[in-house]
């Protein structure tokens, strides 16, 4: 695999008029970053190294909309999406993530009185969060996701939860319930306005029904130059203001807007309104000009960060250091393919047992259990998400592994 990450010169007076913004419909986007020849999926598990290396590739070319602040991959092809049961992004094997999931579930249950209610989750993955909501509030649930695996999560609430292995569409308008949530799904959808409008249309005049949505926060990605969070699956990138403007344009009023999980996740809570467009602006929103400044900073500085990591990995390889990546998901795929340094890393480990023995698409590395580190005894462990450092450090100490932890 041969990649090239390129940040182009970002000028507000230079528009690429070939593309429309899928968020607001305006014509013309500023192209500012591209990575060529990357796997079109990061979390589809491959049964062999050959199949992993032969996995289809596409291009990431990010365009910024000067009208609404939205960022999209203009080269994204939805026909490449193949979410299925072997799509493995389940994070509930991490105590850190589980703590956050319970915190969020408790918060929404209390705030929206979710007791003995009907809950719909769009993009429920394997059903962990939906089942948690049903357990804690004695609720009933419907989860819609093409990658769902009924029975994966064992729970006393399982008989109160229905799973539909399909992509969400207007055909699911009957599933509204008393509360709708959607976590880490919108960033995978190209036609963002169409998606949110479909949810709003399904609610109709039932204005008491809240819609809560969680996605990665792109402000952090731009400001921290978090290139590991830019990959083909994620075709849509939102800041707080961009997300709020989208919801208002689709007939929602934003009731709350905030970040969680160490500032990595952006959450919007909204209610449908009878009026066409709400004029209520949340104080957490930033302006389009603020987003433009973040994009400019990213474009001007990202090459330096990429080169620094290439040099670091090359030096460690030259010194014959044993280097391992912890975390085999999308961040790992983006980290290794963007830098084109797959050969600098020997092994990748992950806490999710459903990934062990599988191979990473486009990368070809076999995913190992953390227990593997006992025998391998690496010199360095590069942690793909720093929020897990304490958890990983404790696991390594218990296993007798004394490697240095590095973060992105």
Protein backbone atom coordinates (compact mmCIF):
# COMPACT_ATOMS: atom_id res chain seq x y z
CA UNK A 1 0.00 0.00 0.00
CA UNK A 2 1.44 3.38 -1.01
CA UNK A 3 -0.13 6.44 0.57
CA UNK A 4 0.46 10.16 0.48
CA UNK A 5 -0.96 12.57 3.01
CA UNK A 6 -1.10 16.10 1.69
CA UNK A 7 -2.30 19.34 3.21
CA UNK A 8 -3.13 21.87 0.53
CA UNK A 9 -2.88 25.63 0.85
CA UNK A 10 -6.03 26.86 2.53
CA UNK A 11 -7.38 30.11 1.11
CA UNK A 12 -10.90 31.38 1.79
CA UNK A 13 -11.11 32.88 -1.70
CA UNK A 14 -10.31 29.56 -3.41
CA UNK A 15 -13.36 27.35 -3.90
CA UNK A 16 -13.74 23.99 -5.58
CA UNK A 17 -17.13 24.42 -7.27
CA UNK A 18 -17.45 20.77 -8.29
CA UNK A 19 -18.95 19.79 -4.95
CA UNK A 20 -22.05 20.69 -2.97
CA UNK A 21 -22.18 20.67 0.81
CA UNK A 22 -24.32 17.68 1.91
CA UNK A 23 -25.09 19.52 5.13
CA UNK A 24 -26.50 22.82 3.85
CA UNK A 25 -26.61 22.36 0.06
CA UNK A 26 -24.38 25.32 -0.81
CA UNK A 27 -22.11 25.10 -3.86
CA UNK A 28 -18.34 25.09 -3.46
CA UNK A 29 -15.96 23.67 -0.86
CA UNK A 30 -12.40 24.49 0.19
CA UNK A 31 -10.20 21.39 -0.26
CA UNK A 32 -7.54 21.33 2.48
CA UNK A 33 -6.33 17.77 3.21
CA UNK A 34 -6.04 14.48 1.40
CA UNK A 35 -4.81 10.95 2.04
CA UNK A 36 -4.83 8.60 -0.93
CA UNK A 37 -5.28 4.85 -1.12
CA UNK A 38 -6.64 4.01 2.33
CA UNK A 39 -8.95 1.09 3.25
CA UNK A 40 -12.63 1.94 2.82
CA UNK A 41 -13.42 0.18 6.10
CA UNK A 42 -11.41 0.14 9.30
CA UNK A 43 -13.36 -2.32 11.43
CA UNK A 44 -14.43 -5.10 9.09
CA UNK A 45 -12.47 -8.07 10.40
CA UNK A 46 -10.56 -10.08 7.80
CA UNK A 47 -9.86 -13.83 8.23
CA UNK A 48 -6.40 -13.77 6.62
CA UNK A 49 -3.47 -11.46 5.97
CA UNK A 50 -3.96 -11.77 2.21
CA UNK A 51 -7.61 -10.73 2.36
CA UNK A 52 -6.68 -7.85 4.64
CA UNK A 53 -4.01 -6.58 2.27
CA UNK A 54 -6.30 -7.02 -0.75
CA UNK A 55 -9.03 -4.98 0.92
CA UNK A 56 -10.58 -2.24 -1.28
CA UNK A 57 -9.12 1.23 -0.93
CA UNK A 58 -10.34 4.74 -1.59
CA UNK A 59 -9.28 8.35 -1.10
CA UNK A 60 -9.88 10.85 1.68
CA UNK A 61 -10.13 14.42 0.34
CA UNK A 62 -11.54 16.80 2.91
CA UNK A 63 -13.56 19.84 1.86
CA UNK A 64 -14.69 22.66 4.16
CA UNK A 65 -17.99 24.46 3.59
CA UNK A 66 -17.66 28.24 4.07
CA UNK A 67 -21.41 28.60 4.55
CA UNK A 68 -22.09 26.21 7.46
CA UNK A 69 -18.63 25.00 8.56
CA UNK A 70 -19.23 21.36 7.69
CA UNK A 71 -16.31 19.17 6.58
CA UNK A 72 -16.84 16.22 4.24
CA UNK A 73 -14.80 13.72 2.26
CA UNK A 74 -15.62 14.72 -1.30
CA UNK A 75 -14.25 11.40 -2.63
CA UNK A 76 -16.46 9.25 -0.39
CA UNK A 77 -18.45 6.57 -2.19
CA UNK A 78 -21.36 5.20 -0.17
CA UNK A 79 -21.38 2.11 -2.39
CA UNK A 80 -18.15 1.06 -0.66
CA UNK A 81 -19.92 0.85 2.70
CA UNK A 82 -20.52 -2.74 3.72
CA UNK A 83 -21.45 -2.72 7.39
CA UNK A 84 -22.18 -6.29 8.43
CA UNK A 85 -21.96 -8.57 11.49
CA UNK A 86 -18.18 -8.88 11.01
CA UNK A 87 -17.92 -5.10 11.54
CA UNK A 88 -16.30 -5.08 14.97
CA UNK A 89 -16.28 -1.74 16.80
CA UNK A 90 -17.61 -2.86 20.18
CA UNK A 91 -15.89 -0.92 22.98
CA UNK A 92 -17.65 -2.39 26.00
CA UNK A 93 -14.67 -4.58 26.90
CA UNK A 94 -12.99 -1.47 28.29
CA UNK A 95 -13.82 -0.50 31.91
CA UNK A 96 -13.10 3.14 31.01
CA UNK A 97 -15.62 3.12 28.19
CA UNK A 98 -18.19 1.22 30.25
CA UNK A 99 -17.96 3.82 32.99
CA UNK A 100 -18.74 6.55 30.48
CA UNK A 101 -21.60 4.58 28.89
CA UNK A 102 -23.24 4.09 32.29
CA UNK A 103 -22.75 7.76 33.13
CA UNK A 104 -24.46 8.82 29.91
CA UNK A 105 -27.26 6.27 30.26
CA UNK A 106 -27.96 7.37 33.85
CA UNK A 107 -27.96 11.00 32.76
CA UNK A 108 -30.47 10.52 29.95
CA UNK A 109 -32.69 8.20 32.00
CA UNK A 110 -32.97 10.80 34.75
CA UNK A 111 -33.25 13.82 32.45
CA UNK A 112 -35.91 12.33 30.16
CA UNK A 113 -37.63 10.09 32.73
CA UNK A 114 -36.84 6.95 30.76
CA UNK A 115 -38.65 4.44 32.94
CA UNK A 116 -40.93 1.82 31.39
CA UNK A 117 -40.57 3.64 28.06
CA UNK A 118 -39.93 2.68 24.44
CA UNK A 119 -36.47 3.62 23.21
CA UNK A 120 -35.12 3.61 19.65
CA UNK A 121 -31.39 3.59 18.93
CA UNK A 122 -30.27 4.25 15.38
CA UNK A 123 -26.87 2.74 14.70
CA UNK A 124 -26.88 0.55 17.81
CA UNK A 125 -23.83 -1.53 16.80
CA UNK A 126 -23.97 -4.72 18.89
CA UNK A 127 -26.63 -3.27 21.21
CA UNK A 128 -24.57 -2.55 24.33
CA UNK A 129 -25.89 0.95 25.04
CA UNK A 130 -29.50 0.22 24.12
CA UNK A 131 -29.56 -2.81 26.40
CA UNK A 132 -27.99 -0.71 29.16
CA UNK A 133 -30.79 1.87 28.84
CA UNK A 134 -33.35 -0.92 29.01
CA UNK A 135 -31.68 -2.53 32.02
CA UNK A 136 -31.30 0.63 34.08
CA UNK A 137 -34.74 2.08 33.33
CA UNK A 138 -36.76 -1.09 32.82
CA UNK A 139 -37.38 0.09 29.27
CA UNK A 140 -38.15 -1.58 25.95
CA UNK A 141 -35.90 -1.00 22.95
CA UNK A 142 -35.57 -1.18 19.18
CA UNK A 143 -32.07 -1.10 17.71
CA UNK A 144 -31.43 -0.55 14.00
CA UNK A 145 -27.99 -1.37 12.59
CA UNK A 146 -26.69 -3.54 9.72
CA UNK A 147 -23.85 -4.85 11.91
CA UNK A 148 -25.95 -5.92 14.90
CA UNK A 149 -25.43 -9.43 16.28
CA UNK A 150 -28.48 -10.44 18.34
CA UNK A 151 -27.43 -12.28 21.46
CA UNK A 152 -23.89 -10.84 21.55
CA UNK A 153 -24.77 -8.92 24.73
CA UNK A 154 -26.23 -11.14 27.44
CA UNK A 155 -28.79 -9.37 29.61
CA UNK A 156 -32.00 -9.85 31.53
CA UNK A 157 -33.39 -7.08 29.31
CA UNK A 158 -32.72 -8.98 26.06
CA UNK A 159 -36.32 -10.13 25.70
CA UNK A 160 -37.42 -6.48 25.78
CA UNK A 161 -35.14 -5.46 22.92
CA UNK A 162 -35.77 -5.93 19.20
CA UNK A 163 -32.91 -5.67 16.73
CA UNK A 164 -33.31 -4.85 13.04
CA UNK A 165 -30.24 -5.65 10.91
CA UNK A 166 -30.75 -2.90 8.33
CA UNK A 167 -29.58 0.59 7.46
CA UNK A 168 -31.89 3.22 8.95
CA UNK A 169 -34.22 4.86 6.43
CA UNK A 170 -37.70 6.33 6.04
CA UNK A 171 -38.92 2.72 5.98
CA UNK A 172 -38.35 2.67 9.74
CA UNK A 173 -40.57 5.67 10.45
CA UNK A 174 -42.84 3.54 12.64
CA UNK A 175 -40.03 3.15 15.17
CA UNK A 176 -40.11 6.33 17.22
CA UNK A 177 -41.03 5.31 20.76
CA UNK A 178 -40.61 7.83 23.58
CA UNK A 179 -36.94 8.63 23.03
CA UNK A 180 -34.49 8.37 20.10
CA UNK A 181 -30.73 8.20 20.40
CA UNK A 182 -27.93 7.79 17.89
CA UNK A 183 -24.29 7.38 18.87
CA UNK A 184 -21.29 7.38 16.52
CA UNK A 185 -23.30 6.89 13.36
CA UNK A 186 -23.79 10.30 11.71
CA UNK A 187 -20.06 10.64 10.99
CA UNK A 188 -20.37 7.54 8.76
CA UNK A 189 -23.21 9.07 6.72
CA UNK A 190 -22.56 11.29 3.70
CA UNK A 191 -26.04 12.77 3.29
CA UNK A 192 -26.21 14.18 6.79
CA UNK A 193 -29.14 16.53 6.27
CA UNK A 194 -31.22 13.79 4.67
CA UNK A 195 -30.54 11.51 7.64
CA UNK A 196 -31.47 14.03 10.34
CA UNK A 197 -34.51 15.15 8.34
CA UNK A 198 -35.65 11.52 8.10
CA UNK A 199 -35.58 11.26 11.88
CA UNK A 200 -37.48 14.53 12.22
CA UNK A 201 -40.11 13.43 9.69
CA UNK A 202 -40.62 10.15 11.53
CA UNK A 203 -41.36 12.02 14.76
CA UNK A 204 -44.04 14.15 13.11
CA UNK A 205 -46.07 16.27 15.53
CA UNK A 206 -44.96 14.36 18.65
CA UNK A 207 -42.88 17.28 19.87
CA UNK A 208 -42.32 15.76 23.31
CA UNK A 209 -39.91 13.16 21.89
CA UNK A 210 -36.24 14.02 22.38
CA UNK A 211 -33.52 13.09 19.91
CA UNK A 212 -30.00 12.79 21.39
CA UNK A 213 -26.98 12.25 19.17
CA UNK A 214 -23.28 11.69 19.86
CA UNK A 215 -20.39 11.99 17.39
CA UNK A 216 -16.65 12.71 17.47
CA UNK A 217 -15.85 16.39 17.97
CA UNK A 218 -13.99 17.75 14.96
CA UNK A 219 -12.84 20.92 16.73
CA UNK A 220 -10.41 18.77 18.70
CA UNK A 221 -9.32 16.94 15.53
CA UNK A 222 -8.44 20.21 13.81
CA UNK A 223 -6.84 21.95 16.80
CA UNK A 224 -4.80 18.91 17.90
CA UNK A 225 -4.12 17.77 14.33
CA UNK A 226 -5.50 14.35 15.29
CA UNK A 227 -4.90 12.75 11.89
CA UNK A 228 -5.64 9.33 13.42
CA UNK A 229 -9.29 10.40 13.58
CA UNK A 230 -9.50 11.07 9.84
CA UNK A 231 -10.27 7.96 7.80
CA UNK A 232 -12.50 6.78 4.99
CA UNK A 233 -15.38 5.47 7.11
CA UNK A 234 -15.74 8.91 8.65
CA UNK A 235 -16.98 10.98 5.75
CA UNK A 236 -18.62 13.71 7.88
CA UNK A 237 -16.95 15.97 10.46
CA UNK A 238 -18.81 18.26 12.86
CA UNK A 239 -18.01 21.08 15.24
CA UNK A 240 -20.63 22.10 17.87
CA UNK A 241 -21.96 24.97 15.76
CA UNK A 242 -22.05 22.94 12.56
CA UNK A 243 -24.05 20.21 14.25
CA UNK A 244 -26.46 22.64 15.89
CA UNK A 245 -27.08 24.48 12.62
CA UNK A 246 -27.90 21.18 10.93
CA UNK A 247 -30.42 20.23 13.60
CA UNK A 248 -32.14 23.62 13.43
CA UNK A 249 -32.39 23.39 9.64
CA UNK A 250 -34.21 20.06 10.03
CA UNK A 251 -36.89 21.28 12.42
CA UNK A 252 -35.27 20.68 15.80
CA UNK A 253 -34.51 23.04 18.64
CA UNK A 254 -31.17 22.41 20.31
CA UNK A 255 -31.81 22.06 24.04
CA UNK A 256 -28.25 21.16 25.01
CA UNK A 257 -24.85 20.92 23.36
CA UNK A 258 -21.72 19.69 25.13
CA UNK A 259 -18.60 17.54 25.01
CA UNK A 260 -17.80 14.38 26.96
CA UNK A 261 -15.16 11.67 27.19
CA UNK A 262 -12.16 13.90 27.64
CA UNK A 263 -13.51 16.34 25.06
CA UNK A 264 -13.48 13.69 22.32
CA UNK A 265 -17.24 13.30 21.91
CA UNK A 266 -19.77 15.95 20.92
CA UNK A 267 -23.37 15.50 22.08
CA UNK A 268 -26.48 17.34 20.96
CA UNK A 269 -29.85 17.02 22.65
CA UNK A 270 -32.80 18.31 20.67
CA UNK A 271 -36.58 18.53 20.59
CA UNK A 272 -38.74 18.78 17.46
CA UNK A 273 -40.63 22.05 17.08
CA UNK A 274 -43.74 22.96 15.14
CA UNK A 275 -42.13 26.06 13.61
CA UNK A 276 -39.99 25.65 10.51
CA UNK A 277 -36.72 26.83 12.06
CA UNK A 278 -35.71 27.54 15.65
CA UNK A 279 -33.87 30.80 16.34
CA UNK A 280 -32.43 29.53 19.63
CA UNK A 281 -28.62 29.48 19.44
CA UNK A 282 -26.78 27.52 22.11
CA UNK A 283 -23.91 29.40 23.82
CA UNK A 284 -21.52 26.49 23.12
CA UNK A 285 -21.77 27.03 19.36
CA UNK A 286 -18.86 28.56 17.48
CA UNK A 287 -19.05 30.60 14.28
CA UNK A 288 -18.16 29.41 10.78
CA UNK A 289 -15.21 31.81 10.93
CA UNK A 290 -13.95 29.97 14.02
CA UNK A 291 -14.10 26.66 12.14
CA UNK A 292 -12.27 28.23 9.20
CA UNK A 293 -9.48 29.33 11.54
CA UNK A 294 -9.17 25.79 12.91
CA UNK A 295 -9.06 24.33 9.39
CA UNK A 296 -6.37 26.81 8.37
CA UNK A 297 -4.29 25.90 11.43
CA UNK A 298 -4.63 22.20 10.64
CA UNK A 299 -3.69 22.63 6.98
CA UNK A 300 -0.64 24.75 7.80
CA UNK A 301 0.76 22.50 10.53
CA UNK A 302 -0.28 18.89 9.91
CA UNK A 303 2.71 18.02 7.71
CA UNK A 304 5.06 18.81 10.58
CA UNK A 305 3.24 16.43 12.90
CA UNK A 306 3.14 13.66 10.31
CA UNK A 307 6.86 14.00 9.61
CA UNK A 308 7.69 13.97 13.32
CA UNK A 309 5.88 10.65 13.74
CA UNK A 310 7.53 9.18 10.63
CA UNK A 311 10.94 10.15 12.00
CA UNK A 312 10.14 8.70 15.43
CA UNK A 313 9.00 5.35 14.02
CA UNK A 314 11.98 5.19 11.66
CA UNK A 315 14.40 5.87 14.51
CA UNK A 316 12.84 3.21 16.74
CA UNK A 317 13.07 0.73 13.88
CA UNK A 318 16.74 1.60 13.30
CA UNK A 319 17.42 1.03 17.01
CA UNK A 320 15.73 -2.39 16.80
CA UNK A 321 13.19 -1.42 19.42
CA UNK A 322 10.16 -3.64 19.73
CA UNK A 323 7.17 -1.36 19.15
CA UNK A 324 3.54 -2.35 19.57
CA UNK A 325 0.32 -0.46 18.84
CA UNK A 326 -2.45 -0.83 21.44
CA UNK A 327 -5.85 -0.49 19.80
CA UNK A 328 -6.64 -2.12 16.45
CA UNK A 329 -9.61 -0.01 15.38
CA UNK A 330 -10.00 2.98 13.11
CA UNK A 331 -7.38 5.13 14.83
CA UNK A 332 -4.80 2.38 14.29
CA UNK A 333 -5.72 2.03 10.63
CA UNK A 334 -5.51 5.79 10.09
CA UNK A 335 -2.27 6.09 12.06
CA UNK A 336 -0.43 3.41 10.10
CA UNK A 337 -1.83 4.08 6.63
CA UNK A 338 -1.60 7.88 6.77
CA UNK A 339 2.05 7.67 7.77
CA UNK A 340 2.67 4.76 5.36
CA UNK A 341 4.68 3.09 8.13
CA UNK A 342 2.99 -0.30 8.44
CA UNK A 343 6.39 -2.02 8.25
CA UNK A 344 7.65 -0.09 11.30
CA UNK A 345 5.21 -1.88 13.61
CA UNK A 346 5.39 -5.62 14.24
CA UNK A 347 2.29 -6.21 16.34
CA UNK A 348 -1.08 -4.69 17.22
CA UNK A 349 -2.97 -5.67 20.37
CA UNK A 350 -6.58 -5.08 21.39
CA UNK A 351 -8.71 -5.76 24.46
CA UNK A 352 -11.72 -6.90 22.39
CA UNK A 353 -11.61 -10.74 22.24
CA UNK A 354 -13.78 -10.76 19.10
CA UNK A 355 -10.85 -9.18 17.24
CA UNK A 356 -8.15 -11.62 18.34
CA UNK A 357 -6.78 -13.71 15.50
CA UNK A 358 -8.43 -11.49 12.90
CA UNK A 359 -6.56 -9.23 10.46
CA UNK A 360 -6.79 -5.46 10.03
CA UNK A 361 -8.13 -4.30 6.62
CA UNK A 362 -5.53 -2.51 4.54
CA UNK A 363 -2.87 -3.09 7.19
CA UNK A 364 -2.60 -6.87 7.24
CA UNK A 365 -1.49 -7.17 10.86
CA UNK A 366 -2.94 -9.96 12.96
CA UNK A 367 -4.66 -8.63 16.09
CA UNK A 368 -3.15 -10.06 19.25
CA UNK A 369 -4.48 -10.35 22.79
CA UNK A 370 -2.86 -8.11 25.44
CA UNK A 371 -1.65 -11.37 27.03
CA UNK A 372 0.73 -11.67 24.07
CA UNK A 373 2.82 -8.86 25.54
CA UNK A 374 3.92 -11.10 28.42
CA UNK A 375 6.10 -13.12 26.06
CA UNK A 376 6.92 -10.39 23.55
CA UNK A 377 7.99 -7.78 26.15
CA UNK A 378 7.97 -4.70 23.88
CA UNK A 379 10.10 -1.61 24.44
CA UNK A 380 7.37 0.84 23.44
CA UNK A 381 3.58 0.67 23.35
CA UNK A 382 1.85 3.36 21.27
CA UNK A 383 -1.64 3.90 22.67
CA UNK A 384 -4.12 4.97 20.00
CA UNK A 385 -6.41 6.77 22.47
CA UNK A 386 -4.80 8.43 25.47
CA UNK A 387 -7.99 8.20 27.53
CA UNK A 388 -7.18 4.51 28.04
CA UNK A 389 -3.60 5.04 29.27
CA UNK A 390 -4.35 4.46 32.96
CA UNK A 391 -6.35 1.32 32.17
CA UNK A 392 -3.62 0.00 29.87
CA UNK A 393 -0.85 0.89 32.30
CA UNK A 394 -2.52 -1.14 35.05
CA UNK A 395 -3.00 -4.12 32.74
CA UNK A 396 0.65 -4.01 31.70
CA UNK A 397 1.82 -3.79 35.29
CA UNK A 398 -0.29 -6.82 36.23
CA UNK A 399 1.21 -8.74 33.28
CA UNK A 400 4.77 -7.77 34.18
CA UNK A 401 5.27 -5.66 31.05
CA UNK A 402 7.47 -2.61 31.62
CA UNK A 403 7.35 -0.97 28.18
CA UNK A 404 7.15 2.79 27.82
CA UNK A 405 3.67 4.08 26.97
CA UNK A 406 3.47 6.60 24.14
CA UNK A 407 0.40 8.57 23.07
CA UNK A 408 -0.54 10.37 19.89
